[in-house]
Amino acid sequence: MNIMPPVKSKSWFIWFGVYGLVLWMLLSLYRFAFLGQSMDIIIVLRFALFAFVVSGILNGFGWLGARYLWLLSTAGITLGMILMYAYTSRDLQGWEDLAGFLTFVVFMVGGFAIGLVVEGINLIMKRQRRNP
């Protein structure tokens, strides 16, 4: 966890931009390169909005000090992204885009939920240590 910026550091804003840009590019690459869909500016802008909202939420929590939430959510996004790309190689009769994106969303939300639970447990443990 030493690679992450300190709490309430201005570096989190840089991480927000880079994180959102990488997520946006990976989602666009999936849609337009792997699925072979034609380029549509509305879809690209929707992916940008989605990526930067997710990035803002996660990096906002990181800025506030919820480092486990950021870490586990990022792990969920990474695993979801890998599985989403894996569904592209399967022949699902046209459902691979929906199945892949739903898998991505499930792992992203699952990582966020697990991160919330871990942060809650961490908060409870810190309070127990302060109040013997």
Protein backbone atom coordinates (compact mmCIF):
# COMPACT_ATOMS: atom_id res chain seq x y z
CA MET A 1 0.00 0.00 0.00
CA ASN A 2 3.07 2.23 -0.07
CA ILE A 3 2.55 2.95 -3.77
CA MET A 4 -0.69 4.80 -3.04
CA PRO A 5 -0.62 8.53 -2.34
CA PRO A 6 -1.17 9.75 1.23
CA VAL A 7 -4.62 10.68 2.48
CA LYS A 8 -5.94 13.98 1.07
CA SER A 9 -2.95 14.37 -1.22
CA LYS A 10 -3.21 16.24 -4.52
CA SER A 11 -1.74 13.15 -6.20
CA TRP A 12 -5.15 11.51 -5.99
CA PHE A 13 -6.39 13.96 -8.63
CA ILE A 14 -3.69 12.78 -11.01
CA TRP A 15 -4.63 9.18 -10.22
CA PHE A 16 -8.27 10.09 -10.95
CA GLY A 17 -7.41 11.26 -14.46
CA VAL A 18 -5.08 8.39 -15.30
CA TYR A 19 -7.44 5.79 -13.82
CA GLY A 20 -10.41 7.18 -15.75
CA LEU A 21 -8.44 7.43 -18.98
CA VAL A 22 -7.16 3.84 -18.75
CA LEU A 23 -10.63 2.49 -17.93
CA TRP A 24 -12.15 4.50 -20.77
CA MET A 25 -9.57 3.22 -23.26
CA LEU A 26 -10.02 -0.40 -22.17
CA LEU A 27 -13.81 -0.18 -22.49
CA SER A 28 -13.53 1.47 -25.91
CA LEU A 29 -10.97 -1.09 -27.06
CA TYR A 30 -13.30 -3.89 -25.99
CA ARG A 31 -16.28 -2.48 -27.83
CA PHE A 32 -14.67 -1.28 -31.04
CA ALA A 33 -11.66 -3.57 -31.48
CA PHE A 34 -12.60 -6.90 -29.93
CA LEU A 35 -16.32 -6.87 -30.68
CA GLY A 36 -15.75 -5.21 -34.04
CA GLN A 37 -18.54 -2.67 -33.64
CA SER A 38 -18.50 0.46 -35.75
CA MET A 39 -17.19 3.60 -34.09
CA ASP A 40 -19.98 5.68 -32.53
CA ILE A 41 -19.17 8.96 -30.79
CA ILE A 42 -22.17 8.65 -28.46
CA ILE A 43 -20.95 5.27 -27.18
CA VAL A 44 -17.42 6.63 -26.76
CA LEU A 45 -18.75 9.55 -24.72
CA ARG A 46 -20.89 7.22 -22.61
CA PHE A 47 -17.85 5.06 -21.89
CA ALA A 48 -15.94 8.22 -20.93
CA LEU A 49 -18.71 9.31 -18.57
CA PHE A 50 -18.92 5.85 -17.02
CA ALA A 51 -15.14 5.53 -16.64
CA PHE A 52 -14.65 8.95 -15.08
CA VAL A 53 -17.61 8.57 -12.70
CA VAL A 54 -16.24 5.23 -11.49
CA SER A 55 -12.75 6.75 -11.25
CA GLY A 56 -14.09 9.75 -9.34
CA ILE A 57 -15.90 7.59 -6.82
CA LEU A 58 -13.00 5.21 -6.21
CA ASN A 59 -10.29 7.85 -6.12
CA GLY A 60 -12.53 10.07 -3.99
CA PHE A 61 -12.72 7.29 -1.40
CA GLY A 62 -8.97 6.83 -1.72
CA TRP A 63 -8.48 10.55 -1.14
CA LEU A 64 -10.57 10.25 2.02
CA GLY A 65 -8.37 7.39 3.25
CA ALA A 66 -10.34 4.29 2.24
CA ARG A 67 -7.32 2.56 0.76
CA TYR A 68 -8.68 -0.99 1.09
CA LEU A 69 -11.84 0.06 -0.72
CA TRP A 70 -9.77 1.50 -3.56
CA LEU A 71 -7.52 -1.55 -3.70
CA LEU A 72 -10.30 -4.16 -3.66
CA SER A 73 -12.45 -2.22 -6.11
CA THR A 74 -9.51 -1.94 -8.48
CA ALA A 75 -8.90 -5.68 -8.12
CA GLY A 76 -12.59 -6.30 -8.91
CA ILE A 77 -12.41 -4.03 -11.96
CA THR A 78 -9.25 -5.75 -13.16
CA LEU A 79 -10.68 -9.24 -12.76
CA GLY A 80 -13.97 -8.15 -14.33
CA MET A 81 -12.13 -6.62 -17.26
CA ILE A 82 -10.11 -9.81 -17.81
CA LEU A 83 -13.26 -11.93 -17.73
CA MET A 84 -15.07 -9.49 -20.02
CA TYR A 85 -12.31 -9.84 -22.59
CA ALA A 86 -12.38 -13.64 -22.13
CA TYR A 87 -16.08 -13.77 -23.03
CA THR A 88 -15.22 -12.22 -26.38
CA SER A 89 -13.45 -15.39 -27.44
CA ARG A 90 -16.52 -17.54 -26.76
CA ASP A 91 -19.21 -18.06 -29.34
CA LEU A 92 -22.31 -16.87 -27.50
CA GLN A 93 -24.44 -16.17 -30.57
CA GLY A 94 -24.32 -12.39 -30.19
CA TRP A 95 -24.66 -12.27 -26.41
CA GLU A 96 -20.94 -11.96 -25.68
CA ASP A 97 -21.08 -8.17 -25.37
CA LEU A 98 -23.88 -8.25 -22.81
CA ALA A 99 -22.49 -11.24 -20.91
CA GLY A 100 -19.04 -9.68 -20.83
CA PHE A 101 -20.20 -6.27 -19.65
CA LEU A 102 -22.48 -7.77 -16.98
CA THR A 103 -19.58 -9.87 -15.73
CA PHE A 104 -17.47 -6.73 -15.56
CA VAL A 105 -20.17 -4.86 -13.62
CA VAL A 106 -20.72 -7.76 -11.20
CA PHE A 107 -17.02 -7.97 -10.35
CA MET A 108 -16.71 -4.18 -10.13
CA VAL A 109 -19.65 -3.90 -7.72
CA GLY A 110 -18.49 -7.02 -5.85
CA GLY A 111 -15.03 -5.55 -5.34
CA PHE A 112 -16.61 -2.31 -4.11
CA ALA A 113 -18.88 -4.18 -1.69
CA ILE A 114 -16.03 -6.30 -0.33
CA GLY A 115 -13.96 -3.12 0.01
CA LEU A 116 -16.75 -1.48 2.02
CA VAL A 117 -16.93 -4.48 4.35
CA VAL A 118 -13.15 -4.53 4.83
CA GLU A 119 -13.08 -0.76 5.48
CA GLY A 120 -15.92 -1.17 8.01
CA ILE A 121 -14.07 -3.95 9.82
CA ASN A 122 -10.89 -1.88 9.76
CA LEU A 123 -12.76 1.11 11.23
CA ILE A 124 -14.30 -1.03 13.98
CA MET A 125 -10.91 -2.51 14.86
CA LYS A 126 -9.33 0.95 15.08
CA ARG A 127 -12.11 2.17 17.38
CA GLN A 128 -11.75 -0.91 19.58
CA ARG A 129 -8.04 -0.23 20.01
CA ARG A 130 -8.69 3.39 21.02
CA ASN A 131 -11.40 2.53 23.55
CA PRO A 132 -10.20 -0.41 25.66
